[in-house]
Amino acid sequence: MEKVSNDNSKRKRRKKKSKPKLRMADLCAGTGAFSLGFESTGLVDIVYINDFDISSKIIYDRNFNHELTLGDLNEIKIEDIPPHDILTSGFPCQPFSISGRRKGFDDSRTNVLLRLFDIMKYHKPKCVVLENVKNLLTHNEGKSFDTIRTNLKDCGYHTSYKVLNTVDVTGIPLLIND
């Protein structure tokens, strides 16, 4: 019996070049929702994670293979944050939340947001994803949100936004009716 081969089998298989992964910095990371979401795509390497809360660090470090840097973002040198393509942050919501005092930019915790703008200007990530509370849109008759959007534009970013309901996106918390 004569062996017949297909011409395609003689061709050398071309190796697919894998694209380099995008580098991500997750600031004010909490327990790692952004880290988990982006890392699960397989397209992202997380190069820096930060939060100031020890409880968040303990939970984060138990769930990820990279360690969260504990510290106040305002005290971390911007140049010590590695270069990154994606910046994510859930900046402090208490100044804007209906559950808080609603002091907005008169609350010292908003300094973290101003620090984020400095980080964006220095590192120029390709993409920025910020998270906060629903009331941010209407706080101070919408002026707080306008200020944030203006600062993002000044940093060179186009903005789009959407209010998401966690239960619709994740199923958590799931309410069970008796």
Protein backbone atom coordinates (compact mmCIF):
# COMPACT_ATOMS: atom_id res chain seq x y z
CA MET A 1 0.00 0.00 0.00
CA GLU A 2 1.34 3.39 -0.99
CA LYS A 3 1.24 6.22 1.54
CA VAL A 4 -0.31 9.40 0.18
CA SER A 5 0.28 12.66 1.95
CA ASN A 6 -1.58 15.89 1.75
CA ASP A 7 0.47 18.90 0.62
CA ASN A 8 -0.78 20.78 3.67
CA SER A 9 0.89 18.28 5.98
CA LYS A 10 4.28 19.14 4.47
CA ARG A 11 3.91 22.84 5.14
CA LYS A 12 5.55 24.05 8.23
CA ARG A 13 3.01 25.11 10.75
CA ARG A 14 3.31 28.77 11.51
CA LYS A 15 3.50 29.60 15.14
CA LYS A 16 1.03 32.20 16.24
CA LYS A 17 2.82 35.06 17.86
CA SER A 18 1.17 35.81 21.12
CA LYS A 19 0.49 39.44 21.79
CA PRO A 20 2.20 40.88 24.82
CA LYS A 21 -0.16 41.22 27.73
CA LEU A 22 -1.44 44.60 28.81
CA ARG A 23 -0.03 45.84 32.10
CA MET A 24 -2.52 46.94 34.76
CA ALA A 25 -2.31 48.97 37.96
CA ASP A 26 -5.23 48.46 40.34
CA LEU A 27 -5.33 51.33 42.83
CA CYS A 28 -7.69 51.55 45.81
CA ALA A 29 -8.14 47.89 44.91
CA GLY A 30 -10.13 46.76 47.92
CA THR A 31 -10.42 42.99 47.77
CA GLY A 32 -9.67 42.81 44.05
CA ALA A 33 -12.82 42.99 41.89
CA PHE A 34 -11.03 44.80 39.05
CA SER A 35 -7.99 42.53 39.39
CA LEU A 36 -10.15 39.42 39.17
CA GLY A 37 -12.14 40.66 36.19
CA PHE A 38 -9.18 41.81 34.13
CA GLU A 39 -6.88 38.93 35.08
CA SER A 40 -9.53 36.38 34.14
CA THR A 41 -9.34 37.53 30.51
CA GLY A 42 -5.82 36.15 30.23
CA LEU A 43 -4.83 39.36 28.44
CA VAL A 44 -3.59 41.33 31.43
CA ASP A 45 -0.63 41.21 33.78
CA ILE A 46 -1.26 43.03 37.01
CA VAL A 47 1.92 44.96 37.76
CA TYR A 48 0.84 46.99 40.79
CA ILE A 49 -1.95 46.79 43.37
CA ASN A 50 -2.59 49.24 46.17
CA ASP A 51 -5.00 49.84 49.02
CA PHE A 52 -4.64 51.45 52.44
CA ASP A 53 -6.87 49.03 54.37
CA ILE A 54 -5.17 46.09 56.11
CA SER A 55 -8.33 43.93 55.89
CA SER A 56 -8.39 44.40 52.11
CA LYS A 57 -4.72 43.41 51.91
CA ILE A 58 -5.28 40.24 53.91
CA ILE A 59 -8.18 39.16 51.68
CA TYR A 60 -6.45 40.23 48.45
CA ASP A 61 -3.20 38.43 49.26
CA ARG A 62 -5.09 35.20 50.05
CA ASN A 63 -6.85 35.26 46.68
CA PHE A 64 -4.12 36.38 44.26
CA ASN A 65 -0.57 35.35 43.38
CA HIS A 66 0.69 38.92 43.51
CA GLU A 67 0.88 41.00 46.65
CA LEU A 68 -1.09 44.16 47.36
CA THR A 69 1.04 47.15 48.38
CA LEU A 70 -0.40 48.55 51.59
CA GLY A 71 -0.29 52.33 51.91
CA ASP A 72 -1.94 55.69 51.41
CA LEU A 73 -1.87 56.45 47.69
CA ASN A 74 -1.05 60.08 48.50
CA GLU A 75 2.19 58.96 50.15
CA ILE A 76 3.37 56.58 47.43
CA LYS A 77 5.82 58.05 44.92
CA ILE A 78 4.22 58.12 41.48
CA GLU A 79 7.48 57.00 39.89
CA ASP A 80 7.45 53.88 42.11
CA ILE A 81 4.27 52.72 40.38
CA PRO A 82 5.38 50.63 37.38
CA PRO A 83 4.39 51.69 33.87
CA HIS A 84 0.94 50.38 32.98
CA ASP A 85 -1.53 50.34 30.08
CA ILE A 86 -4.69 50.10 32.22
CA LEU A 87 -5.43 51.97 35.42
CA THR A 88 -8.37 50.92 37.58
CA SER A 89 -9.54 52.46 40.82
CA GLY A 90 -12.51 52.46 43.11
CA PHE A 91 -11.68 55.82 44.70
CA PRO A 92 -13.28 56.79 48.05
CA CYS A 93 -17.06 57.04 47.79
CA GLN A 94 -17.91 58.42 51.23
CA PRO A 95 -17.65 62.08 50.09
CA PHE A 96 -20.34 61.48 47.44
CA SER A 97 -22.51 58.73 48.93
CA ILE A 98 -26.02 59.37 50.22
CA SER A 99 -24.90 57.32 53.24
CA GLY A 100 -22.06 59.76 53.96
CA ARG A 101 -21.83 63.43 54.80
CA ARG A 102 -21.74 64.35 51.09
CA LYS A 103 -18.93 66.89 51.48
CA GLY A 104 -17.60 66.10 48.01
CA PHE A 105 -14.36 67.92 47.26
CA ASP A 106 -14.46 69.49 50.74
CA ASP A 107 -13.77 66.01 52.18
CA SER A 108 -10.05 65.25 52.51
CA ARG A 109 -10.59 61.72 51.13
CA THR A 110 -11.12 63.19 47.65
CA ASN A 111 -7.37 63.93 47.64
CA VAL A 112 -7.05 60.34 46.42
CA LEU A 113 -8.98 61.26 43.28
CA LEU A 114 -6.70 64.25 42.69
CA ARG A 115 -3.73 61.92 43.15
CA LEU A 116 -5.20 59.58 40.52
CA PHE A 117 -5.22 62.47 38.03
CA ASP A 118 -1.52 63.08 38.79
CA ILE A 119 -0.80 59.37 38.21
CA MET A 120 -2.67 59.50 34.88
CA LYS A 121 -0.67 62.55 33.76
CA TYR A 122 2.62 60.88 34.69
CA HIS A 123 2.02 57.33 33.39
CA LYS A 124 -0.50 58.05 30.59
CA PRO A 125 -2.25 54.66 30.66
CA LYS A 126 -4.20 53.80 27.51
CA CYS A 127 -7.35 53.07 29.48
CA VAL A 128 -8.72 54.19 32.84
CA VAL A 129 -11.66 52.53 34.62
CA LEU A 130 -13.01 54.28 37.71
CA GLU A 131 -15.76 53.10 40.04
CA ASN A 132 -17.81 54.96 42.61
CA VAL A 133 -21.39 55.33 43.88
CA LYS A 134 -24.56 56.18 41.97
CA ASN A 135 -24.95 59.51 43.79
CA LEU A 136 -21.69 60.77 42.25
CA LEU A 137 -23.69 61.69 39.14
CA THR A 138 -26.05 64.02 41.00
CA HIS A 139 -23.86 65.14 43.91
CA ASN A 140 -23.78 68.94 44.22
CA GLU A 141 -26.29 69.22 41.34
CA GLY A 142 -23.95 67.26 39.08
CA LYS A 143 -21.04 69.68 39.54
CA SER A 144 -18.79 67.09 41.24
CA PHE A 145 -19.17 64.68 38.32
CA ASP A 146 -18.58 67.50 35.83
CA THR A 147 -15.36 68.38 37.69
CA ILE A 148 -14.18 64.77 37.46
CA ARG A 149 -15.02 64.55 33.74
CA THR A 150 -13.22 67.86 33.09
CA ASN A 151 -10.11 66.57 34.88
CA LEU A 152 -10.21 63.33 32.89
CA LYS A 153 -10.50 65.33 29.67
CA ASP A 154 -7.54 67.49 30.76
CA CYS A 155 -5.57 64.25 31.25
CA GLY A 156 -6.38 63.34 27.62
CA TYR A 157 -9.24 60.87 28.14
CA HIS A 158 -12.63 60.51 26.51
CA THR A 159 -15.21 59.56 29.10
CA SER A 160 -18.23 57.35 29.08
CA TYR A 161 -20.14 56.18 32.12
CA LYS A 162 -22.94 53.96 33.22
CA VAL A 163 -24.66 53.24 36.50
CA LEU A 164 -24.59 49.50 37.11
CA ASN A 165 -26.61 47.49 39.58
CA THR A 166 -24.36 44.86 41.13
CA VAL A 167 -27.16 42.34 41.33
CA ASP A 168 -27.74 42.63 37.56
CA VAL A 169 -24.05 42.20 36.74
CA THR A 170 -22.99 39.55 39.27
CA GLY A 171 -26.09 38.08 40.89
CA ILE A 172 -24.64 39.19 44.24
CA PRO A 173 -26.27 40.05 46.59
CA LEU A 174 -29.10 37.75 45.69
CA LEU A 175 -32.30 38.49 47.53
CA ILE A 176 -34.41 35.49 48.41
CA ASN A 177 -38.09 36.05 49.12
CA ASP A 178 -39.72 33.68 51.59
